[in-house]
């Protein structure tokens, strides 16, 4: 197939090309005769190639541009209409200042009024574009490397997390075995001690039983935190009496409050509060709330625990008489590992920063909500609201089980 050359003056063609692209400073042209000699060039040709025009015109194309050495057959094919064009892209050339420039070459046949059949060579300086492409490639490589490193770090974290869970499981087993024995023997001791036994002896046995129960709840907190972090928190709800659970935990915490001279006031509603609960989880909620109240109530202060039925909801409120919290502290109170700092008392209050986080997580898993009201100088009240409607709670559990 014969490809006819463009029937247009070469200078007009080159001028048109540079005008269309608006890149006169980046695009230059040269007219090449049939014997592949450079006959004339645009004024900026020498600037792009860093060669004086006098050293270019009249010389063979392959002497000026080594890139075309070996391409003579293709150039002659264009002159005879057998090839429409020849293009070289992103050719790097060393400038006199030592910097690398990138150029694109495009050769196409043309019918010149003075030279007759010939070729027009168009050169575009694409250094800026090439450098941007190189940066983009480098950035992509850096991103790929970062993603690979992130993937490796994530795999390492998952491995460490599995080891942590395994260690926690083993530690819990090792702690629970003797703790169960302590609880059992302290219960037995309280039952078999004669009624006329000295009050101090019975008190000591009660302290042992109380501290064993607290240790048991503490272990449950760590287990629950691990399940929460793994996304594997599971509930086993059965119909249960919220008032009964509140009374059980309050009875255990009563001794701790009394040792600090605190008054723990319990006010249970007479209305039925039977609802679907995971009793073990709710005991943890109650322990953490009461432990928090005891911790932040000063010696000799008062703690209030109450239940109520409000429409189709069961409401538990725990009120302390501590110093209260600022708005900023309230906003972070339920964050994992957050501990309220209060001057010198922060070292004596202890705490792990788990309690309220676990409270909120377990309550929400039951389809409930937790509310905090506090004012500096007037203590804090935490309200737990649970649905009495079993269908509502089950919908919440079903939603969580598919997360």
Protein backbone atom coordinates (compact mmCIF):
# COMPACT_ATOMS: atom_id res chain seq x y z
CA UNK A 1 0.00 0.00 0.00
CA UNK A 2 1.43 3.39 -1.03
CA UNK A 3 1.11 6.28 1.42
CA UNK A 4 1.14 9.65 -0.39
CA UNK A 5 3.20 12.40 1.25
CA UNK A 6 1.54 15.51 2.63
CA UNK A 7 1.19 18.12 -0.09
CA UNK A 8 2.06 21.09 2.08
CA UNK A 9 5.04 23.30 2.54
CA UNK A 10 7.18 21.85 5.35
CA UNK A 11 7.64 25.19 7.08
CA UNK A 12 3.89 25.80 7.06
CA UNK A 13 3.34 22.31 8.45
CA UNK A 14 5.81 22.73 11.28
CA UNK A 15 4.48 26.19 12.12
CA UNK A 16 0.94 24.81 12.20
CA UNK A 17 1.96 21.97 14.50
CA UNK A 18 3.68 24.25 16.98
CA UNK A 19 0.76 26.68 16.95
CA UNK A 20 -1.79 23.94 17.55
CA UNK A 21 0.05 22.54 20.52
CA UNK A 22 1.12 25.90 21.85
CA UNK A 23 4.51 24.43 22.67
CA UNK A 24 6.88 26.41 20.47
CA UNK A 25 9.58 26.30 23.13
CA UNK A 26 9.30 22.50 23.39
CA UNK A 27 8.67 21.45 19.79
CA UNK A 28 11.13 21.92 16.91
CA UNK A 29 11.31 20.61 13.36
CA UNK A 30 13.88 19.80 10.69
CA UNK A 31 13.47 19.27 6.95
CA UNK A 32 15.26 16.19 5.63
CA UNK A 33 15.97 15.61 1.94
CA UNK A 34 15.64 12.31 0.09
CA UNK A 35 19.30 11.51 0.75
CA UNK A 36 18.59 11.86 4.50
CA UNK A 37 20.49 15.13 4.84
CA UNK A 38 19.20 17.87 7.14
CA UNK A 39 18.38 20.86 4.92
CA UNK A 40 16.90 23.35 7.36
CA UNK A 41 15.56 23.55 10.90
CA UNK A 42 13.33 25.68 13.09
CA UNK A 43 15.13 28.32 15.18
CA UNK A 44 14.67 26.39 18.41
CA UNK A 45 16.00 23.11 17.00
CA UNK A 46 19.53 23.76 18.23
CA UNK A 47 18.24 24.77 21.67
CA UNK A 48 16.48 21.46 22.17
CA UNK A 49 19.45 19.42 20.91
CA UNK A 50 22.11 21.71 22.40
CA UNK A 51 23.86 21.83 19.02
CA UNK A 52 24.61 24.99 16.96
CA UNK A 53 22.52 25.24 13.82
CA UNK A 54 25.65 25.58 11.66
CA UNK A 55 26.77 22.16 12.85
CA UNK A 56 23.40 20.63 11.97
CA UNK A 57 22.30 21.88 8.56
CA UNK A 58 23.88 19.99 5.67
CA UNK A 59 24.84 16.97 7.73
CA UNK A 60 23.34 13.49 7.46
CA UNK A 61 20.53 12.87 9.90
CA UNK A 62 22.32 9.85 11.36
CA UNK A 63 25.41 11.95 12.10
CA UNK A 64 23.42 14.48 14.11
CA UNK A 65 21.02 12.07 15.79
CA UNK A 66 22.49 8.68 16.61
CA UNK A 67 19.00 7.46 17.42
CA UNK A 68 18.32 7.02 13.70
CA UNK A 69 21.36 4.87 13.04
CA UNK A 70 19.96 1.57 11.83
CA UNK A 71 16.62 3.14 10.91
CA UNK A 72 17.66 4.11 7.37
CA UNK A 73 15.54 1.39 5.79
CA UNK A 74 12.43 2.71 7.54
CA UNK A 75 13.24 6.28 6.48
CA UNK A 76 13.57 5.21 2.82
CA UNK A 77 10.33 3.24 3.15
CA UNK A 78 8.57 6.49 4.13
CA UNK A 79 10.10 8.30 1.17
CA UNK A 80 8.61 5.64 -1.13
CA UNK A 81 5.20 5.66 0.55
CA UNK A 82 5.50 2.26 2.22
CA UNK A 83 5.51 3.55 5.81
CA UNK A 84 3.30 6.34 7.18
CA UNK A 85 5.58 7.50 9.99
CA UNK A 86 8.36 6.58 12.39
CA UNK A 87 8.30 7.50 16.07
CA UNK A 88 10.71 7.16 18.99
CA UNK A 89 9.43 8.07 22.44
CA UNK A 90 11.15 9.05 25.68
CA UNK A 91 14.64 9.08 24.22
CA UNK A 92 17.12 10.31 26.82
CA UNK A 93 19.89 12.67 25.77
CA UNK A 94 22.66 14.18 27.86
CA UNK A 95 22.74 17.96 27.89
CA UNK A 96 25.96 19.92 28.05
CA UNK A 97 25.25 20.80 31.68
CA UNK A 98 25.22 17.12 32.56
CA UNK A 99 21.46 16.89 33.00
CA UNK A 100 19.38 14.28 31.20
CA UNK A 101 16.71 15.46 28.77
CA UNK A 102 13.92 13.33 27.30
CA UNK A 103 12.66 13.88 23.75
CA UNK A 104 10.11 12.34 21.41
CA UNK A 105 10.93 11.98 17.69
CA UNK A 106 8.29 11.82 14.95
CA UNK A 107 9.27 11.49 11.26
CA UNK A 108 6.69 11.66 8.49
CA UNK A 109 6.94 12.06 4.69
CA UNK A 110 6.26 15.50 3.24
CA UNK A 111 6.20 17.10 -0.21
CA UNK A 112 8.38 20.21 0.00
CA UNK A 113 8.14 22.90 -2.69
CA UNK A 114 11.91 23.37 -2.75
CA UNK A 115 13.21 19.89 -1.93
CA UNK A 116 10.50 17.80 -3.50
CA UNK A 117 9.94 14.53 -1.68
CA UNK A 118 11.44 14.57 1.75
CA UNK A 119 10.82 14.00 5.41
CA UNK A 120 9.91 16.29 8.27
CA UNK A 121 11.34 15.49 11.69
CA UNK A 122 9.42 16.86 14.67
CA UNK A 123 11.12 16.84 18.05
CA UNK A 124 9.34 17.47 21.34
CA UNK A 125 11.13 18.04 24.63
CA UNK A 126 9.15 15.91 27.10
CA UNK A 127 11.60 16.13 29.98
CA UNK A 128 9.06 17.59 32.39
CA UNK A 129 6.44 14.97 31.52
CA UNK A 130 8.97 12.15 31.71
CA UNK A 131 10.18 13.31 35.12
CA UNK A 132 6.59 13.45 36.36
CA UNK A 133 6.02 9.93 35.05
CA UNK A 134 9.18 8.76 36.79
CA UNK A 135 8.05 10.34 40.04
CA UNK A 136 4.64 8.72 39.63
CA UNK A 137 6.28 5.36 39.02
CA UNK A 138 8.52 5.87 42.05
CA UNK A 139 5.54 6.88 44.17
CA UNK A 140 3.67 3.78 43.02
CA UNK A 141 6.68 1.64 43.87
CA UNK A 142 6.94 3.32 47.27
CA UNK A 143 3.22 2.76 47.80
CA UNK A 144 3.55 -0.90 46.83
CA UNK A 145 6.45 -1.25 49.24
CA UNK A 146 4.52 0.51 52.00
CA UNK A 147 1.51 -1.75 51.37
CA UNK A 148 3.77 -4.79 51.51
CA UNK A 149 5.34 -3.59 54.75
CA UNK A 150 1.89 -2.80 56.14
CA UNK A 151 0.68 -6.26 55.18
CA UNK A 152 3.69 -7.83 56.89
CA UNK A 153 3.17 -5.67 59.98
CA UNK A 154 -0.52 -6.59 60.02
CA UNK A 155 0.34 -10.28 59.78
CA UNK A 156 2.80 -9.86 62.64
CA UNK A 157 0.18 -8.04 64.72
CA UNK A 158 -2.36 -10.76 64.05
CA UNK A 159 0.20 -13.35 65.09
CA UNK A 160 0.94 -11.40 68.28
CA UNK A 161 -2.78 -11.01 68.89
CA UNK A 162 -3.27 -14.77 68.61
CA UNK A 163 -0.36 -15.31 71.00
CA UNK A 164 -1.87 -12.76 73.38
CA UNK A 165 -5.22 -14.53 73.27
CA UNK A 166 -3.52 -17.89 73.83
CA UNK A 167 -1.53 -16.50 76.75
CA UNK A 168 -4.65 -14.91 78.23
CA UNK A 169 -6.56 -18.16 77.92
CA UNK A 170 -3.77 -20.07 79.65
CA UNK A 171 -3.39 -17.41 82.35
CA UNK A 172 -7.13 -17.37 83.01
CA UNK A 173 -7.14 -21.14 83.38
CA UNK A 174 -4.21 -21.00 85.79
CA UNK A 175 -5.87 -18.21 87.79
CA UNK A 176 -9.37 -19.63 87.78
CA UNK A 177 -8.41 -23.03 89.17
CA UNK A 178 -7.07 -21.78 92.53
CA UNK A 179 -9.61 -18.94 92.58
CA UNK A 180 -12.47 -21.41 92.31
CA UNK A 181 -11.04 -23.31 95.24
CA UNK A 182 -10.73 -20.10 97.28
CA UNK A 183 -14.36 -19.21 96.54
CA UNK A 184 -15.61 -22.69 97.37
CA UNK A 185 -13.71 -22.98 100.66
CA UNK A 186 -14.64 -19.44 101.74
CA UNK A 187 -18.31 -20.23 101.05
CA UNK A 188 -17.96 -23.47 103.01
CA UNK A 189 -16.19 -21.68 105.84
CA UNK A 190 -18.97 -19.12 106.13
CA UNK A 191 -21.58 -21.89 106.27
CA UNK A 192 -19.89 -24.09 108.86
CA UNK A 193 -18.68 -21.38 111.22
CA UNK A 194 -20.80 -21.54 114.38
CA UNK A 195 -23.10 -18.63 114.99
CA UNK A 196 -21.18 -17.68 118.12
CA UNK A 197 -17.88 -17.44 116.21
CA UNK A 198 -16.15 -14.14 116.73
CA UNK A 199 -17.39 -11.49 114.34
CA UNK A 200 -13.84 -10.79 113.20
CA UNK A 201 -13.35 -14.38 112.02
CA UNK A 202 -16.57 -14.32 110.05
CA UNK A 203 -15.58 -10.93 108.68
CA UNK A 204 -12.25 -12.30 107.50
CA UNK A 205 -13.98 -15.17 105.71
CA UNK A 206 -16.35 -12.69 104.10
CA UNK A 207 -13.45 -10.58 102.87
CA UNK A 208 -11.84 -13.64 101.31
CA UNK A 209 -15.10 -14.49 99.53
CA UNK A 210 -15.61 -10.90 98.41
CA UNK A 211 -12.10 -10.47 97.02
CA UNK A 212 -12.34 -13.81 95.22
CA UNK A 213 -15.54 -12.64 93.54
CA UNK A 214 -13.88 -9.37 92.50
CA UNK A 215 -10.92 -11.27 91.08
CA UNK A 216 -13.34 -13.44 89.14
CA UNK A 217 -15.02 -10.36 87.64
CA UNK A 218 -11.64 -8.87 86.81
CA UNK A 219 -10.70 -12.01 84.90
CA UNK A 220 -14.02 -11.82 83.05
CA UNK A 221 -13.20 -8.22 82.07
CA UNK A 222 -9.95 -9.27 80.44
CA UNK A 223 -11.63 -12.18 78.67
CA UNK A 224 -14.42 -9.96 77.39
CA UNK A 225 -11.96 -7.33 76.19
CA UNK A 226 -10.13 -9.98 74.20
CA UNK A 227 -13.40 -11.20 72.65
CA UNK A 228 -14.44 -7.63 71.86
CA UNK A 229 -11.12 -6.91 70.14
CA UNK A 230 -11.45 -10.15 68.16
CA UNK A 231 -15.04 -9.33 67.21
CA UNK A 232 -16.14 -12.57 68.86
CA UNK A 233 -18.25 -11.33 71.77
CA UNK A 234 -21.11 -13.79 72.22
CA UNK A 235 -24.15 -13.52 74.50
CA UNK A 236 -26.21 -16.34 75.99
CA UNK A 237 -29.44 -14.59 76.95
CA UNK A 238 -32.13 -16.20 79.06
CA UNK A 239 -35.07 -14.59 80.92
CA UNK A 240 -33.70 -13.28 84.20
CA UNK A 241 -34.56 -10.82 86.96
CA UNK A 242 -32.49 -7.63 86.76
CA UNK A 243 -33.39 -6.76 90.36
CA UNK A 244 -31.98 -10.06 91.58
CA UNK A 245 -28.68 -9.51 89.77
CA UNK A 246 -28.40 -5.95 91.08
CA UNK A 247 -28.98 -7.17 94.63
CA UNK A 248 -26.35 -9.92 94.29
CA UNK A 249 -23.57 -7.62 93.08
CA UNK A 250 -24.53 -4.82 95.47
CA UNK A 251 -24.28 -7.26 98.37
CA UNK A 252 -20.70 -8.11 97.40
CA UNK A 253 -19.69 -4.47 96.89
CA UNK A 254 -21.39 -3.42 100.14
CA UNK A 255 -18.46 -4.68 102.20
CA UNK A 256 -15.95 -2.68 100.15
CA UNK A 257 -18.01 0.48 100.49
CA UNK A 258 -18.38 0.00 104.24
CA UNK A 259 -14.62 -0.36 104.68
CA UNK A 260 -14.27 3.12 103.20
CA UNK A 261 -17.02 4.48 105.36
CA UNK A 262 -19.30 4.86 102.36
CA UNK A 263 -23.04 4.39 102.46
CA UNK A 264 -24.45 2.25 99.67
CA UNK A 265 -28.19 2.88 99.27
CA UNK A 266 -30.12 0.30 97.26
CA UNK A 267 -33.59 1.12 95.92
CA UNK A 268 -35.12 -1.62 93.78
CA UNK A 269 -38.43 -1.13 92.02
CA UNK A 270 -41.29 -3.38 93.05
CA UNK A 271 -42.24 -3.85 89.41
CA UNK A 272 -41.11 -6.92 87.54
CA UNK A 273 -37.89 -6.50 85.58
CA UNK A 274 -37.73 -9.91 83.95
CA UNK A 275 -36.01 -9.58 80.59
CA UNK A 276 -33.67 -11.58 78.32
CA UNK A 277 -30.18 -11.20 79.77
CA UNK A 278 -26.81 -12.84 79.72
CA UNK A 279 -26.57 -12.95 83.51
CA UNK A 280 -22.79 -13.24 83.61
CA UNK A 281 -22.33 -10.20 81.36
CA UNK A 282 -24.82 -8.11 83.32
CA UNK A 283 -23.02 -8.99 86.57
CA UNK A 284 -19.87 -7.60 84.96
CA UNK A 285 -21.73 -4.43 84.00
CA UNK A 286 -22.94 -4.05 87.58
CA UNK A 287 -19.54 -4.79 89.09
CA UNK A 288 -17.79 -2.25 86.87
CA UNK A 289 -20.39 0.44 87.58
CA UNK A 290 -20.32 -0.10 91.35
CA UNK A 291 -16.55 -0.46 91.45
CA UNK A 292 -16.29 2.81 89.54
CA UNK A 293 -18.67 4.52 91.97
CA UNK A 294 -16.78 3.25 95.04
CA UNK A 295 -13.48 4.32 93.51
CA UNK A 296 -14.57 7.90 92.79
CA UNK A 297 -16.67 8.48 95.90
CA UNK A 298 -14.64 9.92 98.78
CA UNK A 299 -14.44 8.10 102.10
CA UNK A 300 -17.66 8.70 104.00
CA UNK A 301 -19.59 9.52 100.83
CA UNK A 302 -22.82 8.02 99.53
CA UNK A 303 -23.52 5.78 96.55
CA UNK A 304 -27.01 5.22 95.21
CA UNK A 305 -28.13 2.20 93.20
CA UNK A 306 -31.68 2.08 91.88
CA UNK A 307 -33.84 0.34 89.31
CA UNK A 308 -37.03 1.43 87.63
CA UNK A 309 -39.42 0.46 84.89
CA UNK A 310 -40.03 3.21 82.36
CA UNK A 311 -42.50 2.27 79.61
CA UNK A 312 -41.01 -0.77 77.86
CA UNK A 313 -37.53 -0.28 79.31
CA UNK A 314 -35.70 -1.34 82.45
CA UNK A 315 -33.49 1.40 83.89
CA UNK A 316 -30.56 0.98 86.26
CA UNK A 317 -28.92 4.06 87.79
CA UNK A 318 -25.69 4.23 89.76
CA UNK A 319 -24.95 7.57 91.38
CA UNK A 320 -21.74 8.54 93.17
CA UNK A 321 -20.92 11.59 95.26
CA UNK A 322 -17.46 12.16 93.85
CA UNK A 323 -16.00 15.31 92.32
CA UNK A 324 -17.78 14.86 89.02
CA UNK A 325 -16.34 15.23 85.53
CA UNK A 326 -15.71 18.05 83.10
CA UNK A 327 -17.34 18.02 79.66
CA UNK A 328 -14.05 16.89 78.13
CA UNK A 329 -13.74 14.01 80.58
CA UNK A 330 -17.33 12.95 79.95
CA UNK A 331 -16.70 12.87 76.20
CA UNK A 332 -13.89 10.33 76.72
CA UNK A 333 -15.23 8.44 79.73
CA UNK A 334 -16.24 5.36 77.69
CA UNK A 335 -13.03 5.21 75.64
CA UNK A 336 -10.86 2.13 76.05
CA UNK A 337 -8.00 2.63 78.54
CA UNK A 338 -9.13 6.15 79.41
CA UNK A 339 -8.75 7.05 83.08
CA UNK A 340 -10.01 10.26 84.63
CA UNK A 341 -7.08 12.10 86.15
CA UNK A 342 -7.86 14.21 89.17
CA UNK A 343 -4.78 15.73 90.69
CA UNK A 344 -3.13 13.71 93.43
CA UNK A 345 -5.96 11.18 93.62
CA UNK A 346 -5.16 9.60 90.26
CA UNK A 347 -2.45 7.48 91.86
CA UNK A 348 -4.66 6.18 94.64
CA UNK A 349 -7.75 5.37 92.60
CA UNK A 350 -6.04 2.83 90.40
CA UNK A 351 -8.11 1.39 87.60
CA UNK A 352 -7.33 -0.11 84.22
CA UNK A 353 -9.40 2.11 81.96
CA UNK A 354 -11.51 -0.91 80.96
CA UNK A 355 -14.63 -0.63 83.12
CA UNK A 356 -16.86 1.88 81.35
CA UNK A 357 -15.73 0.70 77.91
CA UNK A 358 -16.81 -2.84 78.79
CA UNK A 359 -20.04 -1.54 80.35
CA UNK A 360 -21.06 0.29 77.19
CA UNK A 361 -20.06 -2.60 74.91
CA UNK A 362 -21.99 -5.22 76.91
CA UNK A 363 -25.06 -3.01 77.34
CA UNK A 364 -25.19 -2.16 73.63
CA UNK A 365 -24.79 -5.88 72.84
CA UNK A 366 -28.03 -6.36 74.81
CA UNK A 367 -29.73 -3.73 72.67
CA UNK A 368 -29.49 -1.12 75.43
CA UNK A 369 -27.94 2.28 75.95
CA UNK A 370 -25.71 3.94 78.54
CA UNK A 371 -26.00 7.58 79.59
CA UNK A 372 -23.64 9.65 81.70
CA UNK A 373 -24.63 12.76 83.62
CA UNK A 374 -22.01 14.61 85.61
CA UNK A 375 -21.26 18.02 86.99
CA UNK A 376 -18.03 19.13 88.60
CA UNK A 377 -18.52 19.18 92.35
CA UNK A 378 -21.77 17.19 92.25
CA UNK A 379 -20.79 13.63 91.36
CA UNK A 380 -21.86 11.48 88.43
CA UNK A 381 -24.83 9.33 87.50
CA UNK A 382 -24.61 6.51 84.97
CA UNK A 383 -27.89 5.15 83.62
CA UNK A 384 -28.23 1.80 81.87
CA UNK A 385 -31.37 1.39 79.78
CA UNK A 386 -32.33 -2.11 78.60
CA UNK A 387 -35.30 -3.10 76.43
CA UNK A 388 -37.97 -5.18 78.15
CA UNK A 389 -39.25 -6.11 74.71
CA UNK A 390 -37.60 -9.44 73.95
CA UNK A 391 -38.06 -9.00 70.20
CA UNK A 392 -36.08 -5.74 70.25
CA UNK A 393 -33.21 -7.35 72.13
CA UNK A 394 -33.18 -10.36 69.81
CA UNK A 395 -32.98 -8.07 66.77
CA UNK A 396 -29.91 -6.46 68.31
CA UNK A 397 -28.28 -9.84 68.99
CA UNK A 398 -29.03 -11.00 65.45
CA UNK A 399 -27.44 -7.84 64.04
CA UNK A 400 -24.30 -8.27 66.14
CA UNK A 401 -23.95 -11.93 65.24
CA UNK A 402 -23.61 -11.01 61.55
CA UNK A 403 -20.93 -8.35 62.02
